[in-house]
Structures are given as structure tokens and as C-alpha cells.
């Protein structure tokens, strides 16, 4: 029943900034680790950044120092602030979340539908 909806993708020039959002909805749950992944044409899906329920973060080497992952505990919303964008950042960005269902107490995983980020040179 849990769904993730991404937003904020679009076209931006190299050197610019963009902010992605991921909003969960659905059945009763408790969010654990959330993350952003991306997949460029012809490439494997890769981890961009992840954040635990306590705020610990981890970033992919290619985005360190440029991207910042954060979460709003009141809204249960995940964000990715992308600065100094490069053409190599062009990809479909996916929100991922691990969560505990408070109904079944099962640990589950869900993916968003993806949002396209295109960086022009």
C-alpha cells in the first residue's frame, strides 16, 4: 500500500541546481533507510545517496561535495539538493525506501516511478 512519488526533475544547464522530492503515502508504516538512485542511458542503476532514520548519510563518489540528501521528519519527505550539475548527472532518478509496516510488522522495500533530470552543456 505504500507508494513513493518523486518530483522536481527537469532540464537544467550545467553548473545549475535542482531539488528533487520524494513523498510517501499509503498504509501505516515507519520509514527506515531512504535513498536516491539514478540510471543513465546504457548504464547500470547506481546509488546516489542514502540517509537513515537517524540522519546518517552516505554518498556515491561521483556526487560527493555537490549533492545533499535530507529528510523532513514531520512530512516523511525525502529530498535531494543537486548543485554544480554536470552533463554526466543526466539520468532518471529513483526514490527508494525501506520501511516497517505497523500493521504486519514486516520489513519492506518500495521504489518510486522515477523523475528525469537532463543537464545540458
PDB file of N, CA and C in Angstrom:
ATOM      1  N   UNK A   1       0.809  -1.217   0.000  1.00  0.00           N
ATOM      2  CA  UNK A   1       0.000   0.000   0.000  1.00  0.00           C
ATOM      3  C   UNK A   1       0.845   1.272   0.000  1.00  0.00           C
ATOM      4  N   UNK A   2       2.094   1.176   0.438  1.00  0.00           N
ATOM      5  CA  UNK A   2       2.976   2.343   0.464  1.00  0.00           C
ATOM      6  C   UNK A   2       3.433   2.673  -0.948  1.00  0.00           C
ATOM      7  N   UNK A   3       3.371   3.950  -1.292  1.00  0.00           N
ATOM      8  CA  UNK A   3       3.835   4.437  -2.580  1.00  0.00           C
ATOM      9  C   UNK A   3       4.772   5.623  -2.390  1.00  0.00           C
ATOM     10  N   UNK A   4       5.710   5.788  -3.325  1.00  0.00           N
ATOM     11  CA  UNK A   4       6.636   6.909  -3.315  1.00  0.00           C
ATOM     12  C   UNK A   4       6.432   7.704  -4.598  1.00  0.00           C
ATOM     13  N   UNK A   5       6.274   9.009  -4.470  1.00  0.00           N
ATOM     14  CA  UNK A   5       6.068   9.875  -5.619  1.00  0.00           C
ATOM     15  C   UNK A   5       7.190  10.898  -5.695  1.00  0.00           C
ATOM     16  N   UNK A   6       8.001  10.819  -6.765  1.00  0.00           N
ATOM     17  CA  UNK A   6       9.097  11.760  -6.965  1.00  0.00           C
ATOM     18  C   UNK A   6       8.636  12.972  -7.768  1.00  0.00           C
ATOM     19  N   UNK A   7       9.297  14.097  -7.538  1.00  0.00           N
ATOM     20  CA  UNK A   7       9.029  15.301  -8.298  1.00  0.00           C
ATOM     21  C   UNK A   7      10.276  16.178  -8.293  1.00  0.00           C
ATOM     22  N   UNK A   8      10.315  17.158  -9.188  1.00  0.00           N
ATOM     23  CA  UNK A   8      11.411  18.108  -9.220  1.00  0.00           C
ATOM     24  C   UNK A   8      12.372  17.951 -10.369  1.00  0.00           C
ATOM     25  N   UNK A   9      12.238  16.885 -11.142  1.00  0.00           N
ATOM     26  CA  UNK A   9      13.123  16.696 -12.276  1.00  0.00           C
ATOM     27  C   UNK A   9      12.821  17.692 -13.381  1.00  0.00           C
ATOM     28  N   UNK A  10      13.753  17.803 -14.322  1.00  0.00           N
ATOM     29  CA  UNK A  10      13.571  18.726 -15.427  1.00  0.00           C
ATOM     30  C   UNK A  10      14.859  18.978 -16.163  1.00  0.00           C
ATOM     31  N   UNK A  11      14.860  20.034 -16.970  1.00  0.00           N
ATOM     32  CA  UNK A  11      16.025  20.419 -17.758  1.00  0.00           C
ATOM     33  C   UNK A  11      16.742  21.580 -17.089  1.00  0.00           C
ATOM     34  N   UNK A  12      18.048  21.451 -16.941  1.00  0.00           N
ATOM     35  CA  UNK A  12      18.854  22.494 -16.318  1.00  0.00           C
ATOM     36  C   UNK A  12      20.204  22.567 -17.012  1.00  0.00           C
ATOM     37  N   UNK A  13      20.789  23.761 -17.050  1.00  0.00           N
ATOM     38  CA  UNK A  13      22.103  23.930 -17.659  1.00  0.00           C
ATOM     39  C   UNK A  13      23.206  23.462 -16.720  1.00  0.00           C
ATOM     40  N   UNK A  14      24.318  23.051 -17.297  1.00  0.00           N
ATOM     41  CA  UNK A  14      25.469  22.650 -16.499  1.00  0.00           C
ATOM     42  C   UNK A  14      25.861  23.779 -15.554  1.00  0.00           C
ATOM     43  N   UNK A  15      26.163  23.403 -14.314  1.00  0.00           N
ATOM     44  CA  UNK A  15      26.506  24.383 -13.301  1.00  0.00           C
ATOM     45  C   UNK A  15      25.321  24.834 -12.482  1.00  0.00           C
ATOM     46  N   UNK A  16      24.127  24.486 -12.913  1.00  0.00           N
ATOM     47  CA  UNK A  16      22.915  24.876 -12.221  1.00  0.00           C
ATOM     48  C   UNK A  16      22.547  23.942 -11.092  1.00  0.00           C
ATOM     49  N   UNK A  17      21.384  24.199 -10.494  1.00  0.00           N
ATOM     50  CA  UNK A  17      20.916  23.419  -9.354  1.00  0.00           C
ATOM     51  C   UNK A  17      19.495  22.925  -9.571  1.00  0.00           C
ATOM     52  N   UNK A  18      19.167  21.854  -8.869  1.00  0.00           N
ATOM     53  CA  UNK A  18      17.843  21.267  -8.935  1.00  0.00           C
ATOM     54  C   UNK A  18      17.575  20.568  -7.609  1.00  0.00           C
ATOM     55  N   UNK A  19      16.320  20.543  -7.193  1.00  0.00           N
ATOM     56  CA  UNK A  19      15.946  19.880  -5.951  1.00  0.00           C
ATOM     57  C   UNK A  19      14.855  18.853  -6.205  1.00  0.00           C
ATOM     58  N   UNK A  20      15.134  17.611  -5.867  1.00  0.00           N
ATOM     59  CA  UNK A  20      14.172  16.533  -6.032  1.00  0.00           C
ATOM     60  C   UNK A  20      13.470  16.247  -4.714  1.00  0.00           C
ATOM     61  N   UNK A  21      12.209  15.834  -4.801  1.00  0.00           N
ATOM     62  CA  UNK A  21      11.432  15.481  -3.622  1.00  0.00           C
ATOM     63  C   UNK A  21      10.828  14.097  -3.797  1.00  0.00           C
ATOM     64  N   UNK A  22      10.639  13.403  -2.695  1.00  0.00           N
ATOM     65  CA  UNK A  22      10.027  12.081  -2.694  1.00  0.00           C
ATOM     66  C   UNK A  22       9.054  12.022  -1.530  1.00  0.00           C
ATOM     67  N   UNK A  23       7.776  11.906  -1.841  1.00  0.00           N
ATOM     68  CA  UNK A  23       6.739  11.912  -0.818  1.00  0.00           C
ATOM     69  C   UNK A  23       6.070  10.541  -0.707  1.00  0.00           C
ATOM     70  N   UNK A  24       6.112   9.937   0.471  1.00  0.00           N
ATOM     71  CA  UNK A  24       5.460   8.634   0.657  1.00  0.00           C
ATOM     72  C   UNK A  24       4.004   8.778   1.050  1.00  0.00           C
ATOM     73  N   UNK A  25       3.231   7.764   0.715  1.00  0.00           N
ATOM     74  CA  UNK A  25       1.837   7.708   1.109  1.00  0.00           C
ATOM     75  C   UNK A  25       1.397   6.258   1.126  1.00  0.00           C
ATOM     76  N   UNK A  26       0.253   5.985   1.753  1.00  0.00           N
ATOM     77  CA  UNK A  26      -0.276   4.637   1.784  1.00  0.00           C
ATOM     78  C   UNK A  26      -0.594   4.156   3.186  1.00  0.00           C
ATOM     79  N   UNK A  27      -0.388   2.871   3.404  1.00  0.00           N
ATOM     80  CA  UNK A  27      -0.701   2.246   4.683  1.00  0.00           C
ATOM     81  C   UNK A  27       0.195   2.759   5.796  1.00  0.00           C
ATOM     82  N   UNK A  28      -0.170   2.462   7.022  1.00  0.00           N
ATOM     83  CA  UNK A  28       0.613   2.857   8.185  1.00  0.00           C
ATOM     84  C   UNK A  28       1.978   2.179   8.138  1.00  0.00           C
ATOM     85  N   UNK A  29       3.030   2.966   8.358  1.00  0.00           N
ATOM     86  CA  UNK A  29       4.390   2.444   8.284  1.00  0.00           C
ATOM     87  C   UNK A  29       5.354   3.340   9.024  1.00  0.00           C
ATOM     88  N   UNK A  30       6.528   2.796   9.285  1.00  0.00           N
ATOM     89  CA  UNK A  30       7.633   3.541   9.861  1.00  0.00           C
ATOM     90  C   UNK A  30       8.807   3.458   8.892  1.00  0.00           C
ATOM     91  N   UNK A  31       9.285   4.603   8.414  1.00  0.00           N
ATOM     92  CA  UNK A  31      10.372   4.639   7.450  1.00  0.00           C
ATOM     93  C   UNK A  31      11.717   4.362   8.105  1.00  0.00           C
ATOM     94  N   UNK A  32      12.521   3.589   7.427  1.00  0.00           N
ATOM     95  CA  UNK A  32      13.890   3.348   7.860  1.00  0.00           C
ATOM     96  C   UNK A  32      14.818   4.062   6.875  1.00  0.00           C
ATOM     97  N   UNK A  33      15.746   3.356   6.266  1.00  0.00           N
ATOM     98  CA  UNK A  33      16.664   3.990   5.326  1.00  0.00           C
ATOM     99  C   UNK A  33      15.950   4.384   4.033  1.00  0.00           C
ATOM    100  N   UNK A  34      16.228   5.604   3.562  1.00  0.00           N
ATOM    101  CA  UNK A  34      15.733   6.070   2.280  1.00  0.00           C
ATOM    102  C   UNK A  34      16.928   6.449   1.417  1.00  0.00           C
ATOM    103  N   UNK A  35      16.749   6.380   0.106  1.00  0.00           N
ATOM    104  CA  UNK A  35      17.876   6.626  -0.787  1.00  0.00           C
ATOM    105  C   UNK A  35      17.429   7.132  -2.143  1.00  0.00           C
ATOM    106  N   UNK A  36      18.368   7.758  -2.837  1.00  0.00           N
ATOM    107  CA  UNK A  36      18.199   8.131  -4.227  1.00  0.00           C
ATOM    108  C   UNK A  36      19.146   7.303  -5.077  1.00  0.00           C
ATOM    109  N   UNK A  37      18.619   6.720  -6.130  1.00  0.00           N
ATOM    110  CA  UNK A  37      19.400   6.020  -7.134  1.00  0.00           C
ATOM    111  C   UNK A  37      19.191   6.720  -8.466  1.00  0.00           C
ATOM    112  N   UNK A  38      20.060   6.452  -9.426  1.00  0.00           N
ATOM    113  CA  UNK A  38      19.867   7.004 -10.755  1.00  0.00           C
ATOM    114  C   UNK A  38      20.328   6.000 -11.801  1.00  0.00           C
ATOM    115  N   UNK A  39      19.759   6.125 -12.984  1.00  0.00           N
ATOM    116  CA  UNK A  39      20.132   5.262 -14.086  1.00  0.00           C
ATOM    117  C   UNK A  39      20.200   6.087 -15.364  1.00  0.00           C
ATOM    118  N   UNK A  40      21.394   6.168 -15.928  1.00  0.00           N
ATOM    119  CA  UNK A  40      21.610   6.868 -17.184  1.00  0.00           C
ATOM    120  C   UNK A  40      21.442   5.887 -18.338  1.00  0.00           C
ATOM    121  N   UNK A  41      21.169   6.390 -19.545  1.00  0.00           N
ATOM    122  CA  UNK A  41      21.002   5.507 -20.698  1.00  0.00           C
ATOM    123  C   UNK A  41      22.209   4.606 -20.912  1.00  0.00           C
ATOM    124  N   UNK A  42      21.967   3.312 -21.041  1.00  0.00           N
ATOM    125  CA  UNK A  42      23.039   2.364 -21.283  1.00  0.00           C
ATOM    126  C   UNK A  42      23.897   2.026 -20.085  1.00  0.00           C
ATOM    127  N   UNK A  43      23.524   2.493 -18.907  1.00  0.00           N
ATOM    128  CA  UNK A  43      24.311   2.235 -17.711  1.00  0.00           C
ATOM    129  C   UNK A  43      23.497   1.529 -16.632  1.00  0.00           C
ATOM    130  N   UNK A  44      24.193   0.940 -15.667  1.00  0.00           N
ATOM    131  CA  UNK A  44      23.551   0.282 -14.541  1.00  0.00           C
ATOM    132  C   UNK A  44      23.022   1.320 -13.555  1.00  0.00           C
ATOM    133  N   UNK A  45      21.993   0.946 -12.817  1.00  0.00           N
ATOM    134  CA  UNK A  45      21.485   1.815 -11.777  1.00  0.00           C
ATOM    135  C   UNK A  45      22.537   1.940 -10.674  1.00  0.00           C
ATOM    136  N   UNK A  46      22.753   3.156 -10.186  1.00  0.00           N
ATOM    137  CA  UNK A  46      23.757   3.387  -9.169  1.00  0.00           C
ATOM    138  C   UNK A  46      23.195   4.181  -7.992  1.00  0.00           C
ATOM    139  N   UNK A  47      23.784   3.961  -6.832  1.00  0.00           N
ATOM    140  CA  UNK A  47      23.394   4.700  -5.638  1.00  0.00           C
ATOM    141  C   UNK A  47      23.925   6.121  -5.719  1.00  0.00           C
ATOM    142  N   UNK A  48      23.051   7.082  -5.490  1.00  0.00           N
ATOM    143  CA  UNK A  48      23.438   8.483  -5.449  1.00  0.00           C
ATOM    144  C   UNK A  48      23.706   8.902  -4.004  1.00  0.00           C
ATOM    145  N   UNK A  49      22.742   8.641  -3.134  1.00  0.00           N
ATOM    146  CA  UNK A  49      22.870   8.995  -1.726  1.00  0.00           C
ATOM    147  C   UNK A  49      21.824   8.251  -0.917  1.00  0.00           C
ATOM    148  N   UNK A  50      22.111   8.017   0.359  1.00  0.00           N
ATOM    149  CA  UNK A  50      21.151   7.384   1.244  1.00  0.00           C
ATOM    150  C   UNK A  50      21.211   8.038   2.609  1.00  0.00           C
ATOM    151  N   UNK A  51      20.115   7.919   3.346  1.00  0.00           N
ATOM    152  CA  UNK A  51      20.032   8.510   4.672  1.00  0.00           C
ATOM    153  C   UNK A  51      19.210   7.604   5.574  1.00  0.00           C
ATOM    154  N   UNK A  52      19.687   7.366   6.790  1.00  0.00           N
ATOM    155  CA  UNK A  52      18.985   6.515   7.730  1.00  0.00           C
ATOM    156  C   UNK A  52      17.930   7.312   8.481  1.00  0.00           C
ATOM    157  N   UNK A  53      17.128   6.603   9.263  1.00  0.00           N
ATOM    158  CA  UNK A  53      16.093   7.261  10.051  1.00  0.00           C
ATOM    159  C   UNK A  53      16.676   8.187  11.110  1.00  0.00           C
ATOM    160  N   UNK A  54      17.938   7.989  11.452  1.00  0.00           N
ATOM    161  CA  UNK A  54      18.604   8.829  12.442  1.00  0.00           C
ATOM    162  C   UNK A  54      19.453   9.930  11.815  1.00  0.00           C
ATOM    163  N   UNK A  55      19.473  10.004  10.490  1.00  0.00           N
ATOM    164  CA  UNK A  55      20.157  11.089   9.817  1.00  0.00           C
ATOM    165  C   UNK A  55      21.545  10.808   9.289  1.00  0.00           C
ATOM    166  N   UNK A  56      22.054   9.600   9.459  1.00  0.00           N
ATOM    167  CA  UNK A  56      23.359   9.258   8.908  1.00  0.00           C
ATOM    168  C   UNK A  56      23.270   9.187   7.391  1.00  0.00           C
ATOM    169  N   UNK A  57      24.280   9.724   6.699  1.00  0.00           N
ATOM    170  CA  UNK A  57      24.243   9.784   5.241  1.00  0.00           C
ATOM    171  C   UNK A  57      25.427   9.087   4.599  1.00  0.00           C
ATOM    172  N   UNK A  58      25.239   8.708   3.341  1.00  0.00           N
ATOM    173  CA  UNK A  58      26.273   8.088   2.538  1.00  0.00           C
ATOM    174  C   UNK A  58      26.059   8.543   1.101  1.00  0.00           C
ATOM    175  N   UNK A  59      27.149   8.910   0.412  1.00  0.00           N
ATOM    176  CA  UNK A  59      27.056   9.422  -0.950  1.00  0.00           C
ATOM    177  C   UNK A  59      27.913   8.627  -1.915  1.00  0.00           C
ATOM    178  N   UNK A  60      27.440   8.557  -3.151  1.00  0.00           N
ATOM    179  CA  UNK A  60      28.250   7.987  -4.202  1.00  0.00           C
ATOM    180  C   UNK A  60      29.425   8.911  -4.487  1.00  0.00           C
ATOM    181  N   UNK A  61      30.551   8.329  -4.897  1.00  0.00           N
ATOM    182  CA  UNK A  61      31.761   9.123  -5.110  1.00  0.00           C
ATOM    183  C   UNK A  61      31.574  10.241  -6.136  1.00  0.00           C
ATOM    184  N   UNK A  62      30.780  10.012  -7.151  1.00  0.00           N
ATOM    185  CA  UNK A  62      30.617  10.984  -8.225  1.00  0.00           C
ATOM    186  C   UNK A  62      29.826  12.228  -7.832  1.00  0.00           C
ATOM    187  N   UNK A  63      29.133  12.188  -6.688  1.00  0.00           N
ATOM    188  CA  UNK A  63      28.306  13.326  -6.295  1.00  0.00           C
ATOM    189  C   UNK A  63      28.732  13.964  -4.985  1.00  0.00           C
ATOM    190  N   UNK A  64      29.737  13.413  -4.335  1.00  0.00           N
ATOM    191  CA  UNK A  64      30.200  13.961  -3.066  1.00  0.00           C
ATOM    192  C   UNK A  64      30.632  15.416  -3.228  1.00  0.00           C
ATOM    193  N   UNK A  65      30.171  16.246  -2.310  1.00  0.00           N
ATOM    194  CA  UNK A  65      30.503  17.660  -2.352  1.00  0.00           C
ATOM    195  C   UNK A  65      29.572  18.490  -3.205  1.00  0.00           C
ATOM    196  N   UNK A  66      28.713  17.847  -3.992  1.00  0.00           N
ATOM    197  CA  UNK A  66      27.792  18.561  -4.867  1.00  0.00           C
ATOM    198  C   UNK A  66      26.330  18.330  -4.506  1.00  0.00           C
ATOM    199  N   UNK A  67      25.999  17.117  -4.071  1.00  0.00           N
ATOM    200  CA  UNK A  67      24.619  16.766  -3.735  1.00  0.00           C
ATOM    201  C   UNK A  67      24.457  16.634  -2.230  1.00  0.00           C
ATOM    202  N   UNK A  68      23.251  16.928  -1.744  1.00  0.00           N
ATOM    203  CA  UNK A  68      22.931  16.774  -0.334  1.00  0.00           C
ATOM    204  C   UNK A  68      21.584  16.081  -0.182  1.00  0.00           C
ATOM    205  N   UNK A  69      21.568  14.972   0.557  1.00  0.00           N
ATOM    206  CA  UNK A  69      20.329  14.266   0.825  1.00  0.00           C
ATOM    207  C   UNK A  69      19.823  14.675   2.204  1.00  0.00           C
ATOM    208  N   UNK A  70      18.516  14.819   2.337  1.00  0.00           N
ATOM    209  CA  UNK A  70      17.929  15.196   3.613  1.00  0.00           C
ATOM    210  C   UNK A  70      16.512  14.649   3.688  1.00  0.00           C
ATOM    211  N   UNK A  71      15.951  14.676   4.890  1.00  0.00           N
ATOM    212  CA  UNK A  71      14.576  14.223   5.062  1.00  0.00           C
ATOM    213  C   UNK A  71      13.869  15.100   6.080  1.00  0.00           C
ATOM    214  N   UNK A  72      12.597  15.335   5.847  1.00  0.00           N
ATOM    215  CA  UNK A  72      11.763  16.113   6.743  1.00  0.00           C
ATOM    216  C   UNK A  72      10.963  15.121   7.572  1.00  0.00           C
ATOM    217  N   UNK A  73      11.287  15.004   8.855  1.00  0.00           N
ATOM    218  CA  UNK A  73      10.635  14.013   9.704  1.00  0.00           C
ATOM    219  C   UNK A  73       9.144  14.277   9.889  1.00  0.00           C
ATOM    220  N   UNK A  74       8.746  15.545   9.872  1.00  0.00           N
ATOM    221  CA  UNK A  74       7.338  15.898  10.041  1.00  0.00           C
ATOM    222  C   UNK A  74       6.502  15.468   8.842  1.00  0.00           C
ATOM    223  N   UNK A  75       7.084  15.569   7.650  1.00  0.00           N
ATOM    224  CA  UNK A  75       6.371  15.228   6.426  1.00  0.00           C
ATOM    225  C   UNK A  75       6.727  13.849   5.878  1.00  0.00           C
ATOM    226  N   UNK A  76       7.746  13.225   6.466  1.00  0.00           N
ATOM    227  CA  UNK A  76       8.263  11.949   5.961  1.00  0.00           C
ATOM    228  C   UNK A  76       8.669  12.070   4.492  1.00  0.00           C
ATOM    229  N   UNK A  77       9.200  13.223   4.128  1.00  0.00           N
ATOM    230  CA  UNK A  77       9.570  13.505   2.753  1.00  0.00           C
ATOM    231  C   UNK A  77      11.083  13.523   2.578  1.00  0.00           C
ATOM    232  N   UNK A  78      11.548  12.907   1.504  1.00  0.00           N
ATOM    233  CA  UNK A  78      12.963  12.834   1.176  1.00  0.00           C
ATOM    234  C   UNK A  78      13.305  13.876   0.126  1.00  0.00           C
ATOM    235  N   UNK A  79      14.491  14.487   0.250  1.00  0.00           N
ATOM    236  CA  UNK A  79      14.934  15.500  -0.696  1.00  0.00           C
ATOM    237  C   UNK A  79      16.339  15.194  -1.193  1.00  0.00           C
ATOM    238  N   UNK A  80      16.643  15.684  -2.381  1.00  0.00           N
ATOM    239  CA  UNK A  80      17.992  15.631  -2.914  1.00  0.00           C
ATOM    240  C   UNK A  80      18.286  16.993  -3.536  1.00  0.00           C
ATOM    241  N   UNK A  81      19.161  17.753  -2.893  1.00  0.00           N
ATOM    242  CA  UNK A  81      19.593  19.039  -3.421  1.00  0.00           C
ATOM    243  C   UNK A  81      20.811  18.792  -4.297  1.00  0.00           C
ATOM    244  N   UNK A  82      20.700  19.129  -5.572  1.00  0.00           N
ATOM    245  CA  UNK A  82      21.769  18.892  -6.531  1.00  0.00           C
ATOM    246  C   UNK A  82      22.332  20.226  -6.997  1.00  0.00           C
ATOM    247  N   UNK A  83      23.599  20.462  -6.715  1.00  0.00           N
ATOM    248  CA  UNK A  83      24.278  21.683  -7.117  1.00  0.00           C
ATOM    249  C   UNK A  83      25.419  21.356  -8.069  1.00  0.00           C
ATOM    250  N   UNK A  84      25.896  22.376  -8.767  1.00  0.00           N
ATOM    251  CA  UNK A  84      27.011  22.228  -9.705  1.00  0.00           C
ATOM    252  C   UNK A  84      26.788  21.046 -10.640  1.00  0.00           C
ATOM    253  N   UNK A  85      25.620  20.988 -11.224  1.00  0.00           N
ATOM    254  CA  UNK A  85      25.245  19.862 -12.067  1.00  0.00           C
ATOM    255  C   UNK A  85      26.112  19.775 -13.318  1.00  0.00           C
ATOM    256  N   UNK A  86      26.413  18.542 -13.701  1.00  0.00           N
ATOM    257  CA  UNK A  86      27.215  18.248 -14.880  1.00  0.00           C
ATOM    258  C   UNK A  86      26.375  17.439 -15.859  1.00  0.00           C
ATOM    259  N   UNK A  87      26.794  17.420 -17.112  1.00  0.00           N
ATOM    260  CA  UNK A  87      26.072  16.643 -18.107  1.00  0.00           C
ATOM    261  C   UNK A  87      26.050  15.161 -17.734  1.00  0.00           C
ATOM    262  N   UNK A  88      27.073  14.702 -17.023  1.00  0.00           N
ATOM    263  CA  UNK A  88      27.149  13.311 -16.595  1.00  0.00           C
ATOM    264  C   UNK A  88      26.084  12.948 -15.557  1.00  0.00           C
ATOM    265  N   UNK A  89      25.427  13.954 -14.979  1.00  0.00           N
ATOM    266  CA  UNK A  89      24.379  13.711 -13.997  1.00  0.00           C
ATOM    267  C   UNK A  89      23.036  13.401 -14.655  1.00  0.00           C
ATOM    268  N   UNK A  90      22.964  13.536 -15.963  1.00  0.00           N
ATOM    269  CA  UNK A  90      21.730  13.255 -16.686  1.00  0.00           C
ATOM    270  C   UNK A  90      21.329  11.797 -16.483  1.00  0.00           C
ATOM    271  N   UNK A  91      20.117  11.585 -15.971  1.00  0.00           N
ATOM    272  CA  UNK A  91      19.641  10.239 -15.670  1.00  0.00           C
ATOM    273  C   UNK A  91      18.212  10.310 -15.154  1.00  0.00           C
ATOM    274  N   UNK A  92      17.589   9.148 -15.035  1.00  0.00           N
ATOM    275  CA  UNK A  92      16.325   9.042 -14.321  1.00  0.00           C
ATOM    276  C   UNK A  92      16.669   8.778 -12.870  1.00  0.00           C
ATOM    277  N   UNK A  93      16.140   9.585 -11.982  1.00  0.00           N
ATOM    278  CA  UNK A  93      16.418   9.466 -10.557  1.00  0.00           C
ATOM    279  C   UNK A  93      15.249   8.787  -9.862  1.00  0.00           C
ATOM    280  N   UNK A  94      15.564   7.765  -9.055  1.00  0.00           N
ATOM    281  CA  UNK A  94      14.553   6.978  -8.364  1.00  0.00           C
ATOM    282  C   UNK A  94      14.680   7.102  -6.855  1.00  0.00           C
ATOM    283  N   UNK A  95      13.554   7.262  -6.205  1.00  0.00           N
ATOM    284  CA  UNK A  95      13.494   7.246  -4.750  1.00  0.00           C
ATOM    285  C   UNK A  95      13.300   5.814  -4.280  1.00  0.00           C
ATOM    286  N   UNK A  96      14.012   5.437  -3.231  1.00  0.00           N
ATOM    287  CA  UNK A  96      13.912   4.098  -2.660  1.00  0.00           C
ATOM    288  C   UNK A  96      13.748   4.206  -1.150  1.00  0.00           C
ATOM    289  N   UNK A  97      12.908   3.355  -0.588  1.00  0.00           N
ATOM    290  CA  UNK A  97      12.698   3.394   0.852  1.00  0.00           C
ATOM    291  C   UNK A  97      12.523   2.005   1.430  1.00  0.00           C
ATOM    292  N   UNK A  98      13.122   1.790   2.578  1.00  0.00           N
ATOM    293  CA  UNK A  98      12.890   0.590   3.373  1.00  0.00           C
ATOM    294  C   UNK A  98      12.025   1.008   4.552  1.00  0.00           C
ATOM    295  N   UNK A  99      11.032   0.208   4.856  1.00  0.00           N
ATOM    296  CA  UNK A  99      10.120   0.598   5.908  1.00  0.00           C
ATOM    297  C   UNK A  99       9.566  -0.603   6.653  1.00  0.00           C
ATOM    298  N   UNK A 100       9.026  -0.325   7.833  1.00  0.00           N
ATOM    299  CA  UNK A 100       8.380  -1.333   8.655  1.00  0.00           C
ATOM    300  C   UNK A 100       6.882  -1.059   8.652  1.00  0.00           C
ATOM    301  N   UNK A 101       6.102  -2.039   8.270  1.00  0.00           N
ATOM    302  CA  UNK A 101       4.655  -1.911   8.341  1.00  0.00           C
ATOM    303  C   UNK A 101       4.222  -2.078   9.785  1.00  0.00           C
ATOM    304  N   UNK A 102       3.478  -1.107  10.300  1.00  0.00           N
ATOM    305  CA  UNK A 102       3.000  -1.205  11.680  1.00  0.00           C
ATOM    306  C   UNK A 102       1.755  -2.076  11.773  1.00  0.00           C
ATOM    307  N   UNK A 103       1.260  -2.535  10.628  1.00  0.00           N
ATOM    308  CA  UNK A 103       0.111  -3.430  10.593  1.00  0.00           C
ATOM    309  C   UNK A 103       0.572  -4.880  10.648  1.00  0.00           C
ATOM    310  N   UNK A 104       1.535  -5.234   9.793  1.00  0.00           N
ATOM    311  CA  UNK A 104       2.030  -6.607   9.723  1.00  0.00           C
ATOM    312  C   UNK A 104       3.386  -6.799  10.384  1.00  0.00           C
ATOM    313  N   UNK A 105       4.071  -5.713  10.688  1.00  0.00           N
ATOM    314  CA  UNK A 105       5.420  -5.721  11.252  1.00  0.00           C
ATOM    315  C   UNK A 105       6.442  -6.356  10.315  1.00  0.00           C
ATOM    316  N   UNK A 106       6.170  -6.299   9.037  1.00  0.00           N
ATOM    317  CA  UNK A 106       7.085  -6.805   8.028  1.00  0.00           C
ATOM    318  C   UNK A 106       8.005  -5.687   7.546  1.00  0.00           C
ATOM    319  N   UNK A 107       9.271  -6.030   7.297  1.00  0.00           N
ATOM    320  CA  UNK A 107      10.220  -5.093   6.709  1.00  0.00           C
ATOM    321  C   UNK A 107      10.093  -5.165   5.192  1.00  0.00           C
ATOM    322  N   UNK A 108       9.807  -4.032   4.573  1.00  0.00           N
ATOM    323  CA  UNK A 108       9.523  -3.996   3.150  1.00  0.00           C
ATOM    324  C   UNK A 108      10.344  -2.928   2.440  1.00  0.00           C
ATOM    325  N   UNK A 109      10.305  -2.962   1.117  1.00  0.00           N
ATOM    326  CA  UNK A 109      11.021  -2.009   0.273  1.00  0.00           C
ATOM    327  C   UNK A 109      10.095  -1.531  -0.835  1.00  0.00           C
ATOM    328  N   UNK A 110      10.214  -0.264  -1.202  1.00  0.00           N
ATOM    329  CA  UNK A 110       9.402   0.284  -2.276  1.00  0.00           C
ATOM    330  C   UNK A 110      10.227   1.275  -3.101  1.00  0.00           C
ATOM    331  N   UNK A 111       9.920   1.348  -4.396  1.00  0.00           N
ATOM    332  CA  UNK A 111      10.584   2.264  -5.327  1.00  0.00           C
ATOM    333  C   UNK A 111       9.591   3.255  -5.892  1.00  0.00           C
ATOM    334  N   UNK A 112      10.055   4.463  -6.157  1.00  0.00           N
ATOM    335  CA  UNK A 112       9.247   5.452  -6.834  1.00  0.00           C
ATOM    336  C   UNK A 112       9.258   5.210  -8.328  1.00  0.00           C
ATOM    337  N   UNK A 113       8.486   6.002  -9.060  1.00  0.00           N
ATOM    338  CA  UNK A 113       8.365   5.809 -10.507  1.00  0.00           C
ATOM    339  C   UNK A 113       9.520   6.433 -11.291  1.00  0.00           C
ATOM    340  N   UNK A 114      10.283   7.292 -10.659  1.00  0.00           N
ATOM    341  CA  UNK A 114      11.412   7.933 -11.300  1.00  0.00           C
ATOM    342  C   UNK A 114      11.074   9.318 -11.836  1.00  0.00           C
ATOM    343  N   UNK A 115      12.065  10.208 -11.825  1.00  0.00           N
ATOM    344  CA  UNK A 115      11.915  11.542 -12.393  1.00  0.00           C
ATOM    345  C   UNK A 115      13.170  11.855 -13.208  1.00  0.00           C
ATOM    346  N   UNK A 116      12.978  12.372 -14.412  1.00  0.00           N
ATOM    347  CA  UNK A 116      14.087  12.595 -15.334  1.00  0.00           C
ATOM    348  C   UNK A 116      14.785  13.920 -15.076  1.00  0.00           C
ATOM    349  N   UNK A 117      16.104  13.855 -14.963  1.00  0.00           N
ATOM    350  CA  UNK A 117      16.944  15.044 -14.845  1.00  0.00           C
ATOM    351  C   UNK A 117      17.836  15.107 -16.068  1.00  0.00           C
ATOM    352  N   UNK A 118      17.749  16.205 -16.810  1.00  0.00           N
ATOM    353  CA  UNK A 118      18.567  16.393 -18.000  1.00  0.00           C
ATOM    354  C   UNK A 118      19.419  17.641 -17.829  1.00  0.00           C
ATOM    355  N   UNK A 119      20.729  17.469 -17.913  1.00  0.00           N
ATOM    356  CA  UNK A 119      21.665  18.578 -17.760  1.00  0.00           C
ATOM    357  C   UNK A 119      22.295  18.875 -19.107  1.00  0.00           C
ATOM    358  N   UNK A 120      22.079  20.070 -19.617  1.00  0.00           N
ATOM    359  CA  UNK A 120      22.622  20.470 -20.906  1.00  0.00           C
ATOM    360  C   UNK A 120      23.974  21.150 -20.739  1.00  0.00           C
ATOM    361  N   UNK A 121      24.853  20.954 -21.728  1.00  0.00           N
ATOM    362  CA  UNK A 121      26.190  21.540 -21.683  1.00  0.00           C
ATOM    363  C   UNK A 121      26.163  23.010 -22.028  1.00  0.00           C
TER     364      UNK A 121
END
